[in-house]
Structure formats: structure tokens, C-alpha cells
Amino acid sequence: MPATALLAHVALWTRDLDAASAFWRDHFAADIGDLYRSRRQPGFLSRFARLPGQQVVLELMQAPWVAEADPQTRVGWAHLALSLGSQAAVDATAARLDAAGLLISPPRQTGDGLYEAVVRTPDGIPIEITV
């Protein structure tokens, strides 16, 4: 067993790689990497999105064979949570994403003591933004 396992990246399927890249760039200041086109799997495209100050990156992936699934009911990762560092940052980000039509749940104090809002990507994937 390895002494330490570090999370390297998290991969997200998208129907629109450009829209997903723009979402992460425009709303979370992600640095978007170059387009990768697979020669082995024609139609597979991806880009890495690196959030400021993070080692773990998001791999945004698109392919014609990806079927839609309800992220609330399928087996697998349910959501991502991003810590923004302050209630003011959560409020400001939630307001910006609300104006873009991407807010699911406004900022609130949760029962377990967290301050969070829930937003969605253009594909509907929920993201908790927390302090």
C-alpha cells in the first residue's frame, strides 16, 4: 500500500466543453489548459482546469457517447464543494451565479454548521460553495 495517496485530478463529463471551460474560468478564475483530442478514441476531447492556488485539477471531458444521467440519482460522485474562504465570498459568488441563472440554493447556514450556497455547472452538476 502506498504511504501517501494524493488526489491528482477529478474528471467531469460535459456536453459542451467550451461552456464548461468558460464556467470554470469566468466564475472561479480557473486557468484552462490546451485542448486535448484523443487519437485512440475519436470524438473524445478534454481540457484541464486549474483553480488558483490548487494542486488538484479538474479534467473537463466531452465525447459523443456520453449519455445524460441525473446527478442526484445515479451512483458516483454527488457534487463538488469549493471553499471560498469567507461568507462574503460565498454571497458574492452566489449573487453572480444567480444572475447567470446557475444558482440552485441561496446562501444559508446548514444544520451541520456550514455556510453554503449550491450552484450548478452549465450541465447541471451541483457545486457547493462554502466558507
N, C-alpha and C. Protein backbone atom coordinates (compact mmCIF):
# COMPACT_ATOMS: atom_id res chain seq x y z
N MET A 1 0.84 -1.17 0.00
CA MET A 1 0.00 0.00 0.00
C MET A 1 0.89 1.24 0.00
N PRO A 2 0.55 2.26 -0.83
CA PRO A 2 1.39 3.47 -0.84
C PRO A 2 1.30 4.21 0.49
N ALA A 3 2.41 4.84 0.87
CA ALA A 3 2.45 5.60 2.13
C ALA A 3 1.49 6.78 2.07
N THR A 4 1.42 7.44 0.93
CA THR A 4 0.55 8.60 0.77
C THR A 4 -0.08 8.56 -0.61
N ALA A 5 -1.38 8.74 -0.65
CA ALA A 5 -2.07 8.86 -1.93
C ALA A 5 -2.61 10.28 -2.02
N LEU A 6 -2.18 11.01 -3.03
CA LEU A 6 -2.63 12.38 -3.22
C LEU A 6 -3.62 12.44 -4.38
N LEU A 7 -4.70 13.15 -4.19
CA LEU A 7 -5.67 13.34 -5.26
C LEU A 7 -5.03 14.20 -6.34
N ALA A 8 -4.97 13.70 -7.56
CA ALA A 8 -4.30 14.40 -8.67
C ALA A 8 -5.29 15.23 -9.49
N HIS A 9 -6.41 14.62 -9.86
CA HIS A 9 -7.44 15.38 -10.57
C HIS A 9 -8.79 14.70 -10.42
N VAL A 10 -9.83 15.47 -10.71
CA VAL A 10 -11.21 14.99 -10.71
C VAL A 10 -11.74 15.24 -12.12
N ALA A 11 -12.37 14.23 -12.71
CA ALA A 11 -12.86 14.36 -14.08
C ALA A 11 -14.37 14.52 -14.10
N LEU A 12 -14.82 15.45 -14.93
CA LEU A 12 -16.25 15.73 -15.09
C LEU A 12 -16.63 15.63 -16.57
N TRP A 13 -17.65 14.84 -16.87
CA TRP A 13 -18.18 14.80 -18.24
C TRP A 13 -19.00 16.05 -18.48
N THR A 14 -18.96 16.54 -19.69
CA THR A 14 -19.77 17.69 -20.08
C THR A 14 -20.30 17.47 -21.49
N ARG A 15 -21.43 18.09 -21.77
CA ARG A 15 -21.97 18.05 -23.15
C ARG A 15 -21.35 19.14 -24.00
N ASP A 16 -20.78 20.18 -23.35
CA ASP A 16 -20.24 21.32 -24.08
C ASP A 16 -18.94 21.76 -23.41
N LEU A 17 -17.83 21.32 -23.95
CA LEU A 17 -16.52 21.59 -23.36
C LEU A 17 -16.22 23.09 -23.30
N ASP A 18 -16.62 23.82 -24.32
CA ASP A 18 -16.37 25.27 -24.31
C ASP A 18 -17.17 25.96 -23.20
N ALA A 19 -18.43 25.59 -23.04
CA ALA A 19 -19.26 26.19 -21.99
C ALA A 19 -18.73 25.82 -20.60
N ALA A 20 -18.33 24.58 -20.42
CA ALA A 20 -17.78 24.15 -19.13
C ALA A 20 -16.48 24.89 -18.83
N SER A 21 -15.62 25.03 -19.83
CA SER A 21 -14.36 25.76 -19.64
C SER A 21 -14.63 27.21 -19.27
N ALA A 22 -15.56 27.84 -19.96
CA ALA A 22 -15.91 29.23 -19.68
C ALA A 22 -16.48 29.37 -18.27
N PHE A 23 -17.31 28.43 -17.84
CA PHE A 23 -17.88 28.45 -16.49
C PHE A 23 -16.77 28.49 -15.44
N TRP A 24 -15.84 27.56 -15.53
CA TRP A 24 -14.78 27.48 -14.53
C TRP A 24 -13.84 28.68 -14.62
N ARG A 25 -13.57 29.16 -15.81
CA ARG A 25 -12.71 30.34 -16.00
C ARG A 25 -13.39 31.60 -15.48
N ASP A 26 -14.63 31.83 -15.90
CA ASP A 26 -15.32 33.08 -15.59
C ASP A 26 -15.80 33.19 -14.15
N HIS A 27 -16.21 32.08 -13.55
CA HIS A 27 -16.79 32.15 -12.21
C HIS A 27 -15.84 31.75 -11.09
N PHE A 28 -14.76 31.02 -11.42
CA PHE A 28 -13.83 30.58 -10.38
C PHE A 28 -12.37 30.84 -10.75
N ALA A 29 -12.12 31.69 -11.75
CA ALA A 29 -10.77 32.11 -12.15
C ALA A 29 -9.84 30.95 -12.47
N ALA A 30 -10.40 29.87 -13.00
CA ALA A 30 -9.57 28.71 -13.36
C ALA A 30 -8.73 29.02 -14.59
N ASP A 31 -7.52 28.50 -14.58
CA ASP A 31 -6.65 28.56 -15.74
C ASP A 31 -7.01 27.33 -16.59
N ILE A 32 -7.42 27.55 -17.83
CA ILE A 32 -7.88 26.46 -18.69
C ILE A 32 -6.74 26.04 -19.61
N GLY A 33 -6.43 24.75 -19.58
CA GLY A 33 -5.34 24.21 -20.39
C GLY A 33 -5.72 24.02 -21.85
N ASP A 34 -4.74 23.60 -22.61
CA ASP A 34 -4.92 23.37 -24.03
C ASP A 34 -5.90 22.22 -24.30
N LEU A 35 -6.53 22.27 -25.44
CA LEU A 35 -7.46 21.23 -25.86
C LEU A 35 -6.68 19.95 -26.17
N TYR A 36 -7.19 18.83 -25.65
CA TYR A 36 -6.63 17.51 -25.96
C TYR A 36 -7.66 16.76 -26.79
N ARG A 37 -7.21 16.22 -27.93
CA ARG A 37 -8.04 15.38 -28.79
C ARG A 37 -7.42 14.00 -28.81
N SER A 38 -8.20 13.01 -28.42
CA SER A 38 -7.69 11.64 -28.39
C SER A 38 -7.59 11.07 -29.79
N ARG A 39 -6.45 10.48 -30.09
CA ARG A 39 -6.31 9.76 -31.37
C ARG A 39 -6.84 8.35 -31.24
N ARG A 40 -6.81 7.83 -30.02
CA ARG A 40 -7.25 6.47 -29.77
C ARG A 40 -8.78 6.37 -29.67
N GLN A 41 -9.42 7.42 -29.16
CA GLN A 41 -10.87 7.45 -29.02
C GLN A 41 -11.42 8.67 -29.77
N PRO A 42 -11.65 8.54 -31.08
CA PRO A 42 -12.14 9.69 -31.85
C PRO A 42 -13.40 10.29 -31.23
N GLY A 43 -13.39 11.62 -31.12
CA GLY A 43 -14.51 12.34 -30.54
C GLY A 43 -14.29 12.72 -29.09
N PHE A 44 -13.30 12.11 -28.43
CA PHE A 44 -13.02 12.45 -27.04
C PHE A 44 -12.17 13.71 -26.99
N LEU A 45 -12.67 14.72 -26.26
CA LEU A 45 -11.96 15.98 -26.07
C LEU A 45 -11.86 16.27 -24.58
N SER A 46 -10.78 16.92 -24.17
CA SER A 46 -10.70 17.32 -22.76
C SER A 46 -9.80 18.54 -22.61
N ARG A 47 -9.97 19.19 -21.49
CA ARG A 47 -9.13 20.31 -21.05
C ARG A 47 -9.00 20.20 -19.54
N PHE A 48 -7.85 20.60 -19.02
CA PHE A 48 -7.68 20.68 -17.58
C PHE A 48 -7.98 22.09 -17.12
N ALA A 49 -8.66 22.20 -15.99
CA ALA A 49 -8.98 23.50 -15.38
C ALA A 49 -8.32 23.53 -14.01
N ARG A 50 -7.38 24.45 -13.82
CA ARG A 50 -6.67 24.57 -12.55
C ARG A 50 -7.19 25.79 -11.80
N LEU A 51 -7.76 25.54 -10.63
CA LEU A 51 -8.24 26.62 -9.78
C LEU A 51 -7.04 27.30 -9.12
N PRO A 52 -7.12 28.62 -8.89
CA PRO A 52 -5.99 29.34 -8.30
C PRO A 52 -5.53 28.71 -6.98
N GLY A 53 -4.23 28.51 -6.86
CA GLY A 53 -3.63 28.00 -5.63
C GLY A 53 -3.84 26.53 -5.35
N GLN A 54 -4.41 25.79 -6.29
CA GLN A 54 -4.71 24.37 -6.07
C GLN A 54 -3.74 23.46 -6.81
N GLN A 55 -3.44 22.33 -6.20
CA GLN A 55 -2.64 21.30 -6.87
C GLN A 55 -3.55 20.35 -7.65
N VAL A 56 -4.71 20.04 -7.07
CA VAL A 56 -5.67 19.16 -7.74
C VAL A 56 -6.34 19.94 -8.86
N VAL A 57 -6.49 19.31 -10.01
CA VAL A 57 -7.11 19.98 -11.15
C VAL A 57 -8.40 19.25 -11.55
N LEU A 58 -9.23 19.95 -12.30
CA LEU A 58 -10.44 19.36 -12.86
C LEU A 58 -10.15 19.00 -14.31
N GLU A 59 -10.51 17.80 -14.72
CA GLU A 59 -10.43 17.44 -16.13
C GLU A 59 -11.85 17.51 -16.68
N LEU A 60 -12.06 18.41 -17.62
CA LEU A 60 -13.35 18.57 -18.26
C LEU A 60 -13.33 17.73 -19.53
N MET A 61 -14.28 16.80 -19.66
CA MET A 61 -14.25 15.84 -20.76
C MET A 61 -15.55 15.85 -21.54
N GLN A 62 -15.44 15.70 -22.85
CA GLN A 62 -16.61 15.64 -23.74
C GLN A 62 -16.39 14.51 -24.73
N ALA A 63 -17.46 13.75 -25.00
CA ALA A 63 -17.41 12.69 -26.01
C ALA A 63 -18.83 12.42 -26.49
N PRO A 64 -18.98 12.04 -27.76
CA PRO A 64 -20.34 11.84 -28.31
C PRO A 64 -21.08 10.66 -27.69
N TRP A 65 -20.39 9.74 -27.04
CA TRP A 65 -21.05 8.56 -26.48
C TRP A 65 -21.52 8.75 -25.04
N VAL A 66 -21.30 9.92 -24.46
CA VAL A 66 -21.70 10.15 -23.07
C VAL A 66 -23.20 10.42 -23.01
N ALA A 67 -23.88 9.61 -22.22
CA ALA A 67 -25.33 9.75 -22.07
C ALA A 67 -25.63 10.63 -20.86
N GLU A 68 -26.75 11.32 -20.92
CA GLU A 68 -27.17 12.14 -19.79
C GLU A 68 -27.63 11.24 -18.65
N ALA A 69 -27.33 11.65 -17.44
CA ALA A 69 -27.79 10.95 -16.25
C ALA A 69 -28.12 11.99 -15.19
N ASP A 70 -29.10 11.71 -14.38
CA ASP A 70 -29.47 12.63 -13.32
C ASP A 70 -28.42 12.55 -12.21
N PRO A 71 -27.66 13.62 -11.98
CA PRO A 71 -26.58 13.56 -10.98
C PRO A 71 -27.10 13.35 -9.56
N GLN A 72 -28.39 13.56 -9.33
CA GLN A 72 -28.94 13.37 -7.99
C GLN A 72 -29.30 11.90 -7.72
N THR A 73 -29.42 11.09 -8.76
CA THR A 73 -29.88 9.72 -8.54
C THR A 73 -28.93 8.64 -9.04
N ARG A 74 -27.91 8.98 -9.76
CA ARG A 74 -27.00 7.95 -10.26
C ARG A 74 -25.95 7.64 -9.20
N VAL A 75 -25.32 6.49 -9.31
CA VAL A 75 -24.24 6.11 -8.41
C VAL A 75 -22.98 6.85 -8.85
N GLY A 76 -22.22 7.35 -7.92
CA GLY A 76 -20.99 8.07 -8.23
C GLY A 76 -20.92 9.35 -7.41
N TRP A 77 -19.99 10.21 -7.77
CA TRP A 77 -19.84 11.47 -7.05
C TRP A 77 -21.13 12.26 -7.13
N ALA A 78 -21.55 12.83 -6.01
CA ALA A 78 -22.80 13.58 -5.97
C ALA A 78 -22.59 15.06 -6.29
N HIS A 79 -21.48 15.63 -5.83
CA HIS A 79 -21.22 17.05 -6.05
C HIS A 79 -19.76 17.35 -5.69
N LEU A 80 -19.34 18.55 -6.04
CA LEU A 80 -18.05 19.09 -5.59
C LEU A 80 -18.37 20.16 -4.55
N ALA A 81 -17.44 20.40 -3.65
CA ALA A 81 -17.56 21.50 -2.71
C ALA A 81 -16.30 22.35 -2.82
N LEU A 82 -16.49 23.64 -3.01
CA LEU A 82 -15.38 24.57 -3.10
C LEU A 82 -15.42 25.52 -1.92
N SER A 83 -14.32 25.61 -1.19
CA SER A 83 -14.23 26.55 -0.08
C SER A 83 -13.74 27.88 -0.62
N LEU A 84 -14.53 28.93 -0.42
CA LEU A 84 -14.19 30.26 -0.92
C LEU A 84 -13.56 31.15 0.15
N GLY A 85 -13.53 30.68 1.40
CA GLY A 85 -12.79 31.38 2.44
C GLY A 85 -13.57 32.34 3.32
N SER A 86 -14.72 32.83 2.88
CA SER A 86 -15.48 33.78 3.71
C SER A 86 -16.95 33.78 3.28
N GLN A 87 -17.80 34.22 4.21
CA GLN A 87 -19.22 34.34 3.87
C GLN A 87 -19.42 35.38 2.78
N ALA A 88 -18.63 36.45 2.82
CA ALA A 88 -18.75 37.50 1.80
C ALA A 88 -18.44 36.94 0.41
N ALA A 89 -17.44 36.07 0.32
CA ALA A 89 -17.10 35.47 -0.98
C ALA A 89 -18.20 34.53 -1.45
N VAL A 90 -18.80 33.77 -0.52
CA VAL A 90 -19.91 32.90 -0.87
C VAL A 90 -21.09 33.74 -1.37
N ASP A 91 -21.41 34.81 -0.64
CA ASP A 91 -22.53 35.68 -1.02
C ASP A 91 -22.30 36.30 -2.41
N ALA A 92 -21.09 36.82 -2.64
CA ALA A 92 -20.79 37.48 -3.92
C ALA A 92 -20.83 36.49 -5.07
N THR A 93 -20.25 35.32 -4.87
CA THR A 93 -20.23 34.30 -5.93
C THR A 93 -21.64 33.80 -6.20
N ALA A 94 -22.42 33.58 -5.14
CA ALA A 94 -23.81 33.13 -5.32
C ALA A 94 -24.61 34.17 -6.08
N ALA A 95 -24.42 35.45 -5.77
CA ALA A 95 -25.15 36.52 -6.47
C ALA A 95 -24.77 36.55 -7.95
N ARG A 96 -23.48 36.40 -8.23
CA ARG A 96 -23.02 36.41 -9.63
C ARG A 96 -23.59 35.22 -10.40
N LEU A 97 -23.60 34.04 -9.75
CA LEU A 97 -24.13 32.85 -10.43
C LEU A 97 -25.65 32.87 -10.50
N ASP A 98 -26.30 33.53 -9.55
CA ASP A 98 -27.75 33.71 -9.63
C ASP A 98 -28.10 34.56 -10.86
N ALA A 99 -27.33 35.62 -11.07
CA ALA A 99 -27.56 36.49 -12.23
C ALA A 99 -27.36 35.73 -13.54
N ALA A 100 -26.51 34.70 -13.50
CA ALA A 100 -26.26 33.88 -14.69
C ALA A 100 -27.26 32.72 -14.80
N GLY A 101 -28.20 32.64 -13.86
CA GLY A 101 -29.20 31.57 -13.89
C GLY A 101 -28.67 30.23 -13.41
N LEU A 102 -27.61 30.24 -12.61
CA LEU A 102 -26.96 29.00 -12.20
C LEU A 102 -27.03 28.72 -10.70
N LEU A 103 -27.84 29.47 -9.96
CA LEU A 103 -27.98 29.27 -8.52
C LEU A 103 -29.07 28.24 -8.26
N ILE A 104 -28.77 27.22 -7.46
CA ILE A 104 -29.75 26.21 -7.07
C ILE A 104 -30.34 26.56 -5.71
N SER A 105 -29.47 26.90 -4.76
CA SER A 105 -29.90 27.18 -3.40
C SER A 105 -29.11 28.37 -2.88
N PRO A 106 -29.80 29.41 -2.38
CA PRO A 106 -29.09 30.61 -1.93
C PRO A 106 -28.26 30.35 -0.67
N PRO A 107 -27.36 31.27 -0.34
CA PRO A 107 -26.53 31.09 0.85
C PRO A 107 -27.38 30.90 2.11
N ARG A 108 -26.90 29.99 2.97
CA ARG A 108 -27.62 29.70 4.21
C ARG A 108 -26.68 29.00 5.19
N GLN A 109 -27.05 29.03 6.43
CA GLN A 109 -26.35 28.27 7.46
C GLN A 109 -27.00 26.89 7.47
N THR A 110 -26.23 25.84 7.29
CA THR A 110 -26.80 24.49 7.25
C THR A 110 -26.96 23.94 8.66
N GLY A 111 -27.67 22.85 8.78
CA GLY A 111 -27.87 22.21 10.08
C GLY A 111 -26.60 21.70 10.72
N ASP A 112 -25.59 21.42 9.89
CA ASP A 112 -24.32 20.95 10.46
C ASP A 112 -23.30 22.08 10.64
N GLY A 113 -23.79 23.33 10.58
CA GLY A 113 -22.93 24.45 10.91
C GLY A 113 -22.14 25.06 9.77
N LEU A 114 -22.36 24.61 8.55
CA LEU A 114 -21.65 25.18 7.41
C LEU A 114 -22.43 26.36 6.83
N TYR A 115 -21.72 27.29 6.22
CA TYR A 115 -22.36 28.36 5.46
C TYR A 115 -22.11 28.04 4.00
N GLU A 116 -23.18 27.84 3.24
CA GLU A 116 -23.01 27.41 1.85
C GLU A 116 -24.15 27.88 0.98
N ALA A 117 -23.86 27.87 -0.31
CA ALA A 117 -24.86 28.02 -1.36
C ALA A 117 -24.60 26.87 -2.32
N VAL A 118 -25.59 26.54 -3.14
CA VAL A 118 -25.41 25.49 -4.14
C VAL A 118 -25.66 26.11 -5.51
N VAL A 119 -24.69 25.93 -6.39
CA VAL A 119 -24.78 26.41 -7.76
C VAL A 119 -24.66 25.21 -8.68
N ARG A 120 -24.81 25.46 -9.97
CA ARG A 120 -24.69 24.34 -10.91
C ARG A 120 -23.82 24.75 -12.08
N THR A 121 -23.20 23.76 -12.69
CA THR A 121 -22.47 24.00 -13.93
C THR A 121 -23.47 24.10 -15.07
N PRO A 122 -23.05 24.48 -16.27
CA PRO A 122 -23.99 24.50 -17.40
C PRO A 122 -24.63 23.14 -17.67
N ASP A 123 -23.98 22.05 -17.23
CA ASP A 123 -24.54 20.70 -17.40
C ASP A 123 -25.44 20.28 -16.25
N GLY A 124 -25.59 21.15 -15.24
CA GLY A 124 -26.46 20.83 -14.11
C GLY A 124 -25.77 20.15 -12.94
N ILE A 125 -24.46 20.00 -12.98
CA ILE A 125 -23.75 19.35 -11.89
C ILE A 125 -23.72 20.30 -10.69
N PRO A 126 -24.20 19.85 -9.52
CA PRO A 126 -24.22 20.73 -8.36
C PRO A 126 -22.83 20.96 -7.77
N ILE A 127 -22.59 22.19 -7.34
CA ILE A 127 -21.35 22.55 -6.66
C ILE A 127 -21.74 23.33 -5.42
N GLU A 128 -21.28 22.86 -4.25
CA GLU A 128 -21.48 23.61 -3.03
C GLU A 128 -20.35 24.63 -2.93
N ILE A 129 -20.70 25.87 -2.70
CA ILE A 129 -19.68 26.89 -2.42
C ILE A 129 -19.81 27.22 -0.93
N THR A 130 -18.72 27.05 -0.21
CA THR A 130 -18.73 27.16 1.25
C THR A 130 -17.66 28.14 1.71
N VAL A 131 -17.69 28.43 3.02
CA VAL A 131 -16.67 29.30 3.63
C VAL A 131 -15.37 28.54 3.69
